[in-house]
């Protein structure tokens, strides 16, 4: 049985601009995406009554010697 790994959210410049313009940046960065998200997956976040769509652009594992592995999921916009 796999142990779930917390995924950190990163944003491309266009995704960050969209989130900032709609004042949802903090909510997007705090999204709890599962570690099973794959590149190309569409992510729809309902925030403040609106749906904001992103796409998983990249997955990157951060492996540091003194800390547990951490998955970083980068979201892009527009979702295509």
PDB file of N, CA and C in Angstrom:
ATOM      1  N   UNK A   1       0.842  -1.177   0.000  1.00  0.00           N
ATOM      2  CA  UNK A   1       0.000   0.000   0.000  1.00  0.00           C
ATOM      3  C   UNK A   1       0.893   1.248   0.000  1.00  0.00           C
ATOM      4  N   UNK A   2       0.625   2.132  -0.939  1.00  0.00           N
ATOM      5  CA  UNK A   2       1.437   3.347  -1.072  1.00  0.00           C
ATOM      6  C   UNK A   2       1.052   4.364  -0.009  1.00  0.00           C
ATOM      7  N   UNK A   3       2.033   5.088   0.449  1.00  0.00           N
ATOM      8  CA  UNK A   3       1.803   6.159   1.417  1.00  0.00           C
ATOM      9  C   UNK A   3       1.570   7.444   0.632  1.00  0.00           C
ATOM     10  N   UNK A   4       0.450   8.152   0.889  1.00  0.00           N
ATOM     11  CA  UNK A   4       0.202   9.395   0.146  1.00  0.00           C
ATOM     12  C   UNK A   4       1.296  10.429   0.432  1.00  0.00           C
ATOM     13  N   UNK A   5       1.693  11.115  -0.612  1.00  0.00           N
ATOM     14  CA  UNK A   5       2.722  12.136  -0.502  1.00  0.00           C
ATOM     15  C   UNK A   5       2.060  13.492  -0.743  1.00  0.00           C
ATOM     16  N   UNK A   6       2.265  14.455   0.157  1.00  0.00           N
ATOM     17  CA  UNK A   6       1.675  15.765  -0.090  1.00  0.00           C
ATOM     18  C   UNK A   6       2.291  16.402  -1.328  1.00  0.00           C
ATOM     19  N   UNK A   7       1.445  16.982  -2.155  1.00  0.00           N
ATOM     20  CA  UNK A   7       1.923  17.622  -3.383  1.00  0.00           C
ATOM     21  C   UNK A   7       1.868  19.131  -3.208  1.00  0.00           C
ATOM     22  N   UNK A   8       2.969  19.779  -3.529  1.00  0.00           N
ATOM     23  CA  UNK A   8       3.019  21.242  -3.523  1.00  0.00           C
ATOM     24  C   UNK A   8       2.580  21.727  -4.903  1.00  0.00           C
ATOM     25  N   UNK A   9       1.893  22.853  -4.947  1.00  0.00           N
ATOM     26  CA  UNK A   9       1.409  23.410  -6.197  1.00  0.00           C
ATOM     27  C   UNK A   9       2.343  24.533  -6.636  1.00  0.00           C
ATOM     28  N   UNK A  10       2.724  24.491  -7.903  1.00  0.00           N
ATOM     29  CA  UNK A  10       3.465  25.583  -8.546  1.00  0.00           C
ATOM     30  C   UNK A  10       2.626  26.028  -9.742  1.00  0.00           C
ATOM     31  N   UNK A  11       2.834  27.254 -10.187  1.00  0.00           N
ATOM     32  CA  UNK A  11       2.054  27.796 -11.295  1.00  0.00           C
ATOM     33  C   UNK A  11       2.975  28.356 -12.376  1.00  0.00           C
ATOM     34  N   UNK A  12       2.565  28.188 -13.633  1.00  0.00           N
ATOM     35  CA  UNK A  12       3.269  28.861 -14.718  1.00  0.00           C
ATOM     36  C   UNK A  12       2.902  30.345 -14.637  1.00  0.00           C
ATOM     37  N   UNK A  13       3.571  31.169 -15.421  1.00  0.00           N
ATOM     38  CA  UNK A  13       3.303  32.615 -15.402  1.00  0.00           C
ATOM     39  C   UNK A  13       1.859  32.918 -15.788  1.00  0.00           C
ATOM     40  N   UNK A  14       1.331  32.218 -16.782  1.00  0.00           N
ATOM     41  CA  UNK A  14      -0.049  32.495 -17.209  1.00  0.00           C
ATOM     42  C   UNK A  14      -1.062  32.030 -16.165  1.00  0.00           C
ATOM     43  N   UNK A  15      -0.795  30.915 -15.524  1.00  0.00           N
ATOM     44  CA  UNK A  15      -1.690  30.442 -14.472  1.00  0.00           C
ATOM     45  C   UNK A  15      -1.654  31.385 -13.266  1.00  0.00           C
ATOM     46  N   UNK A  16      -0.451  31.854 -12.914  1.00  0.00           N
ATOM     47  CA  UNK A  16      -0.314  32.795 -11.790  1.00  0.00           C
ATOM     48  C   UNK A  16      -1.032  34.110 -12.094  1.00  0.00           C
ATOM     49  N   UNK A  17      -0.911  34.590 -13.334  1.00  0.00           N
ATOM     50  CA  UNK A  17      -1.577  35.836 -13.728  1.00  0.00           C
ATOM     51  C   UNK A  17      -3.103  35.686 -13.628  1.00  0.00           C
ATOM     52  N   UNK A  18      -3.631  34.561 -14.113  1.00  0.00           N
ATOM     53  CA  UNK A  18      -5.071  34.318 -14.029  1.00  0.00           C
ATOM     54  C   UNK A  18      -5.528  34.286 -12.572  1.00  0.00           C
ATOM     55  N   UNK A  19      -4.807  33.540 -11.751  1.00  0.00           N
ATOM     56  CA  UNK A  19      -5.183  33.421 -10.342  1.00  0.00           C
ATOM     57  C   UNK A  19      -5.103  34.775  -9.634  1.00  0.00           C
ATOM     58  N   UNK A  20      -4.093  35.551  -9.951  1.00  0.00           N
ATOM     59  CA  UNK A  20      -3.949  36.877  -9.329  1.00  0.00           C
ATOM     60  C   UNK A  20      -5.066  37.817  -9.773  1.00  0.00           C
ATOM     61  N   UNK A  21      -5.379  37.818 -11.061  1.00  0.00           N
ATOM     62  CA  UNK A  21      -6.435  38.696 -11.576  1.00  0.00           C
ATOM     63  C   UNK A  21      -7.794  38.380 -10.965  1.00  0.00           C
ATOM     64  N   UNK A  22      -8.028  37.099 -10.674  1.00  0.00           N
ATOM     65  CA  UNK A  22      -9.317  36.686 -10.101  1.00  0.00           C
ATOM     66  C   UNK A  22      -9.277  36.600  -8.577  1.00  0.00           C
ATOM     67  N   UNK A  23      -8.138  37.000  -8.006  1.00  0.00           N
ATOM     68  CA  UNK A  23      -7.966  37.022  -6.548  1.00  0.00           C
ATOM     69  C   UNK A  23      -8.189  35.639  -5.907  1.00  0.00           C
ATOM     70  N   UNK A  24      -7.645  34.622  -6.569  1.00  0.00           N
ATOM     71  CA  UNK A  24      -7.781  33.247  -6.068  1.00  0.00           C
ATOM     72  C   UNK A  24      -6.416  32.570  -5.893  1.00  0.00           C
ATOM     73  N   UNK A  25      -5.349  33.348  -5.934  1.00  0.00           N
ATOM     74  CA  UNK A  25      -4.005  32.783  -5.892  1.00  0.00           C
ATOM     75  C   UNK A  25      -3.784  31.900  -4.664  1.00  0.00           C
ATOM     76  N   UNK A  26      -4.144  32.383  -3.508  1.00  0.00           N
ATOM     77  CA  UNK A  26      -3.922  31.607  -2.280  1.00  0.00           C
ATOM     78  C   UNK A  26      -4.689  30.291  -2.304  1.00  0.00           C
ATOM     79  N   UNK A  27      -5.926  30.333  -2.794  1.00  0.00           N
ATOM     80  CA  UNK A  27      -6.745  29.115  -2.842  1.00  0.00           C
ATOM     81  C   UNK A  27      -6.168  28.099  -3.833  1.00  0.00           C
ATOM     82  N   UNK A  28      -5.679  28.579  -4.974  1.00  0.00           N
ATOM     83  CA  UNK A  28      -5.097  27.661  -5.957  1.00  0.00           C
ATOM     84  C   UNK A  28      -3.839  27.015  -5.393  1.00  0.00           C
ATOM     85  N   UNK A  29      -2.976  27.810  -4.782  1.00  0.00           N
ATOM     86  CA  UNK A  29      -1.741  27.272  -4.217  1.00  0.00           C
ATOM     87  C   UNK A  29      -1.998  26.320  -3.049  1.00  0.00           C
ATOM     88  N   UNK A  30      -3.146  26.451  -2.402  1.00  0.00           N
ATOM     89  CA  UNK A  30      -3.485  25.588  -1.271  1.00  0.00           C
ATOM     90  C   UNK A  30      -4.279  24.350  -1.688  1.00  0.00           C
ATOM     91  N   UNK A  31      -4.568  24.210  -2.977  1.00  0.00           N
ATOM     92  CA  UNK A  31      -5.351  23.057  -3.443  1.00  0.00           C
ATOM     93  C   UNK A  31      -4.656  21.759  -3.050  1.00  0.00           C
ATOM     94  N   UNK A  32      -5.439  20.815  -2.585  1.00  0.00           N
ATOM     95  CA  UNK A  32      -4.904  19.516  -2.164  1.00  0.00           C
ATOM     96  C   UNK A  32      -5.092  18.521  -3.308  1.00  0.00           C
ATOM     97  N   UNK A  33      -4.178  18.570  -4.266  1.00  0.00           N
ATOM     98  CA  UNK A  33      -4.254  17.637  -5.391  1.00  0.00           C
ATOM     99  C   UNK A  33      -3.620  16.310  -4.997  1.00  0.00           C
ATOM    100  N   UNK A  34      -4.198  15.214  -5.450  1.00  0.00           N
ATOM    101  CA  UNK A  34      -3.611  13.914  -5.109  1.00  0.00           C
ATOM    102  C   UNK A  34      -2.316  13.680  -5.887  1.00  0.00           C
ATOM    103  N   UNK A  35      -1.462  12.844  -5.337  1.00  0.00           N
ATOM    104  CA  UNK A  35      -0.193  12.561  -6.015  1.00  0.00           C
ATOM    105  C   UNK A  35      -0.388  11.699  -7.260  1.00  0.00           C
ATOM    106  N   UNK A  36      -1.615  11.306  -7.533  1.00  0.00           N
ATOM    107  CA  UNK A  36      -1.904  10.516  -8.727  1.00  0.00           C
ATOM    108  C   UNK A  36      -2.184  11.394  -9.950  1.00  0.00           C
ATOM    109  N   UNK A  37      -2.208  12.712  -9.786  1.00  0.00           N
ATOM    110  CA  UNK A  37      -2.399  13.612 -10.934  1.00  0.00           C
ATOM    111  C   UNK A  37      -1.274  13.377 -11.932  1.00  0.00           C
ATOM    112  N   UNK A  38      -1.642  13.366 -13.200  1.00  0.00           N
ATOM    113  CA  UNK A  38      -0.663  13.144 -14.263  1.00  0.00           C
ATOM    114  C   UNK A  38      -0.626  14.341 -15.199  1.00  0.00           C
ATOM    115  N   UNK A  39       0.492  14.509 -15.896  1.00  0.00           N
ATOM    116  CA  UNK A  39       0.627  15.571 -16.887  1.00  0.00           C
ATOM    117  C   UNK A  39      -0.506  15.427 -17.900  1.00  0.00           C
ATOM    118  N   UNK A  40      -1.169  16.543 -18.180  1.00  0.00           N
ATOM    119  CA  UNK A  40      -2.293  16.547 -19.117  1.00  0.00           C
ATOM    120  C   UNK A  40      -3.649  16.479 -18.440  1.00  0.00           C
ATOM    121  N   UNK A  41      -3.696  16.104 -17.165  1.00  0.00           N
ATOM    122  CA  UNK A  41      -4.973  16.072 -16.444  1.00  0.00           C
ATOM    123  C   UNK A  41      -5.537  17.477 -16.334  1.00  0.00           C
ATOM    124  N   UNK A  42      -6.844  17.601 -16.502  1.00  0.00           N
ATOM    125  CA  UNK A  42      -7.523  18.873 -16.294  1.00  0.00           C
ATOM    126  C   UNK A  42      -7.935  18.983 -14.838  1.00  0.00           C
ATOM    127  N   UNK A  43      -7.752  20.162 -14.279  1.00  0.00           N
ATOM    128  CA  UNK A  43      -8.095  20.425 -12.884  1.00  0.00           C
ATOM    129  C   UNK A  43      -9.065  21.597 -12.867  1.00  0.00           C
ATOM    130  N   UNK A  44     -10.275  21.364 -12.389  1.00  0.00           N
ATOM    131  CA  UNK A  44     -11.283  22.421 -12.274  1.00  0.00           C
ATOM    132  C   UNK A  44     -11.464  22.723 -10.793  1.00  0.00           C
ATOM    133  N   UNK A  45     -11.191  23.964 -10.419  1.00  0.00           N
ATOM    134  CA  UNK A  45     -11.331  24.390  -9.033  1.00  0.00           C
ATOM    135  C   UNK A  45     -12.511  25.346  -8.938  1.00  0.00           C
ATOM    136  N   UNK A  46     -13.463  25.025  -8.080  1.00  0.00           N
ATOM    137  CA  UNK A  46     -14.592  25.912  -7.855  1.00  0.00           C
ATOM    138  C   UNK A  46     -14.249  26.801  -6.665  1.00  0.00           C
ATOM    139  N   UNK A  47     -14.100  28.100  -6.961  1.00  0.00           N
ATOM    140  CA  UNK A  47     -13.705  29.068  -5.932  1.00  0.00           C
ATOM    141  C   UNK A  47     -14.585  30.297  -6.080  1.00  0.00           C
ATOM    142  N   UNK A  48     -15.161  30.755  -4.991  1.00  0.00           N
ATOM    143  CA  UNK A  48     -16.017  31.951  -4.981  1.00  0.00           C
ATOM    144  C   UNK A  48     -17.151  31.840  -6.006  1.00  0.00           C
ATOM    145  N   UNK A  49     -17.704  30.654  -6.180  1.00  0.00           N
ATOM    146  CA  UNK A  49     -18.827  30.463  -7.090  1.00  0.00           C
ATOM    147  C   UNK A  49     -18.457  30.361  -8.555  1.00  0.00           C
ATOM    148  N   UNK A  50     -17.182  30.476  -8.899  1.00  0.00           N
ATOM    149  CA  UNK A  50     -16.744  30.339 -10.283  1.00  0.00           C
ATOM    150  C   UNK A  50     -15.848  29.124 -10.446  1.00  0.00           C
ATOM    151  N   UNK A  51     -15.836  28.568 -11.647  1.00  0.00           N
ATOM    152  CA  UNK A  51     -14.981  27.412 -11.929  1.00  0.00           C
ATOM    153  C   UNK A  51     -13.769  27.897 -12.723  1.00  0.00           C
ATOM    154  N   UNK A  52     -12.598  27.547 -12.245  1.00  0.00           N
ATOM    155  CA  UNK A  52     -11.339  27.948 -12.867  1.00  0.00           C
ATOM    156  C   UNK A  52     -10.608  26.677 -13.287  1.00  0.00           C
ATOM    157  N   UNK A  53     -10.350  26.555 -14.585  1.00  0.00           N
ATOM    158  CA  UNK A  53      -9.738  25.334 -15.109  1.00  0.00           C
ATOM    159  C   UNK A  53      -8.259  25.531 -15.403  1.00  0.00           C
ATOM    160  N   UNK A  54      -7.490  24.536 -15.004  1.00  0.00           N
ATOM    161  CA  UNK A  54      -6.051  24.488 -15.215  1.00  0.00           C
ATOM    162  C   UNK A  54      -5.711  23.111 -15.773  1.00  0.00           C
ATOM    163  N   UNK A  55      -4.487  22.950 -16.227  1.00  0.00           N
ATOM    164  CA  UNK A  55      -4.002  21.652 -16.685  1.00  0.00           C
ATOM    165  C   UNK A  55      -2.708  21.342 -15.945  1.00  0.00           C
ATOM    166  N   UNK A  56      -2.508  20.064 -15.620  1.00  0.00           N
ATOM    167  CA  UNK A  56      -1.249  19.658 -14.995  1.00  0.00           C
ATOM    168  C   UNK A  56      -0.171  19.713 -16.078  1.00  0.00           C
ATOM    169  N   UNK A  57       0.766  20.607 -15.889  1.00  0.00           N
ATOM    170  CA  UNK A  57       1.809  20.887 -16.874  1.00  0.00           C
ATOM    171  C   UNK A  57       3.071  20.054 -16.629  1.00  0.00           C
ATOM    172  N   UNK A  58       3.404  19.857 -15.342  1.00  0.00           N
ATOM    173  CA  UNK A  58       4.634  19.142 -14.998  1.00  0.00           C
ATOM    174  C   UNK A  58       4.508  18.540 -13.609  1.00  0.00           C
ATOM    175  N   UNK A  59       5.191  17.424 -13.420  1.00  0.00           N
ATOM    176  CA  UNK A  59       5.364  16.794 -12.099  1.00  0.00           C
ATOM    177  C   UNK A  59       6.854  16.728 -11.833  1.00  0.00           C
ATOM    178  N   UNK A  60       7.240  17.112 -10.636  1.00  0.00           N
ATOM    179  CA  UNK A  60       8.672  17.109 -10.306  1.00  0.00           C
ATOM    180  C   UNK A  60       8.847  16.650  -8.867  1.00  0.00           C
ATOM    181  N   UNK A  61       9.699  15.675  -8.691  1.00  0.00           N
ATOM    182  CA  UNK A  61      10.017  15.193  -7.352  1.00  0.00           C
ATOM    183  C   UNK A  61      11.219  15.949  -6.815  1.00  0.00           C
ATOM    184  N   UNK A  62      11.080  16.478  -5.624  1.00  0.00           N
ATOM    185  CA  UNK A  62      12.198  17.110  -4.929  1.00  0.00           C
ATOM    186  C   UNK A  62      12.742  16.099  -3.934  1.00  0.00           C
ATOM    187  N   UNK A  63      13.982  15.747  -4.124  1.00  0.00           N
ATOM    188  CA  UNK A  63      14.610  14.763  -3.253  1.00  0.00           C
ATOM    189  C   UNK A  63      15.788  15.443  -2.561  1.00  0.00           C
ATOM    190  N   UNK A  64      15.632  15.703  -1.287  1.00  0.00           N
ATOM    191  CA  UNK A  64      16.710  16.314  -0.517  1.00  0.00           C
ATOM    192  C   UNK A  64      17.207  15.296   0.515  1.00  0.00           C
ATOM    193  N   UNK A  65      18.419  15.432   0.862  1.00  0.00           N
ATOM    194  CA  UNK A  65      19.039  14.451   1.755  1.00  0.00           C
ATOM    195  C   UNK A  65      18.376  14.388   3.126  1.00  0.00           C
ATOM    196  N   UNK A  66      18.032  15.537   3.693  1.00  0.00           N
ATOM    197  CA  UNK A  66      17.550  15.568   5.075  1.00  0.00           C
ATOM    198  C   UNK A  66      16.038  15.699   5.209  1.00  0.00           C
ATOM    199  N   UNK A  67      15.316  15.687   4.098  1.00  0.00           N
ATOM    200  CA  UNK A  67      13.856  15.815   4.164  1.00  0.00           C
ATOM    201  C   UNK A  67      13.204  14.722   3.332  1.00  0.00           C
ATOM    202  N   UNK A  68      11.951  14.399   3.643  1.00  0.00           N
ATOM    203  CA  UNK A  68      11.269  13.379   2.843  1.00  0.00           C
ATOM    204  C   UNK A  68      11.010  13.883   1.419  1.00  0.00           C
ATOM    205  N   UNK A  69      10.836  12.979   0.472  1.00  0.00           N
ATOM    206  CA  UNK A  69      10.543  13.386  -0.902  1.00  0.00           C
ATOM    207  C   UNK A  69       9.285  14.243  -0.958  1.00  0.00           C
ATOM    208  N   UNK A  70       9.286  15.178  -1.893  1.00  0.00           N
ATOM    209  CA  UNK A  70       8.134  16.072  -2.045  1.00  0.00           C
ATOM    210  C   UNK A  70       7.802  16.178  -3.535  1.00  0.00           C
ATOM    211  N   UNK A  71       6.532  16.014  -3.848  1.00  0.00           N
ATOM    212  CA  UNK A  71       6.076  16.125  -5.223  1.00  0.00           C
ATOM    213  C   UNK A  71       5.594  17.545  -5.471  1.00  0.00           C
ATOM    214  N   UNK A  72       6.070  18.147  -6.563  1.00  0.00           N
ATOM    215  CA  UNK A  72       5.599  19.468  -6.965  1.00  0.00           C
ATOM    216  C   UNK A  72       4.805  19.291  -8.253  1.00  0.00           C
ATOM    217  N   UNK A  73       3.561  19.765  -8.253  1.00  0.00           N
ATOM    218  CA  UNK A  73       2.692  19.702  -9.427  1.00  0.00           C
ATOM    219  C   UNK A  73       2.540  21.124  -9.951  1.00  0.00           C
ATOM    220  N   UNK A  74       2.931  21.331 -11.208  1.00  0.00           N
ATOM    221  CA  UNK A  74       2.827  22.650 -11.829  1.00  0.00           C
ATOM    222  C   UNK A  74       1.562  22.710 -12.670  1.00  0.00           C
ATOM    223  N   UNK A  75       0.760  23.745 -12.420  1.00  0.00           N
ATOM    224  CA  UNK A  75      -0.473  23.957 -13.173  1.00  0.00           C
ATOM    225  C   UNK A  75      -0.271  25.061 -14.202  1.00  0.00           C
ATOM    226  N   UNK A  76      -0.927  24.916 -15.348  1.00  0.00           N
ATOM    227  CA  UNK A  76      -0.866  25.910 -16.410  1.00  0.00           C
ATOM    228  C   UNK A  76      -2.290  26.319 -16.766  1.00  0.00           C
ATOM    229  N   UNK A  77      -2.375  27.441 -17.457  1.00  0.00           N
ATOM    230  CA  UNK A  77      -3.656  27.957 -17.922  1.00  0.00           C
ATOM    231  C   UNK A  77      -3.400  28.674 -19.226  1.00  0.00           C
ATOM    232  N   UNK A  78      -4.213  28.600 -20.221  1.00  0.00           N
ATOM    233  CA  UNK A  78      -5.529  27.961 -20.207  1.00  0.00           C
ATOM    234  C   UNK A  78      -5.408  26.437 -20.296  1.00  0.00           C
ATOM    235  N   UNK A  79      -6.416  25.781 -19.774  1.00  0.00           N
ATOM    236  CA  UNK A  79      -6.461  24.330 -19.839  1.00  0.00           C
ATOM    237  C   UNK A  79      -6.851  23.931 -21.260  1.00  0.00           C
ATOM    238  N   UNK A  80      -6.004  23.186 -21.911  1.00  0.00           N
ATOM    239  CA  UNK A  80      -6.270  22.763 -23.302  1.00  0.00           C
ATOM    240  C   UNK A  80      -6.310  21.277 -23.405  1.00  0.00           C
TER     241      UNK A  80
END
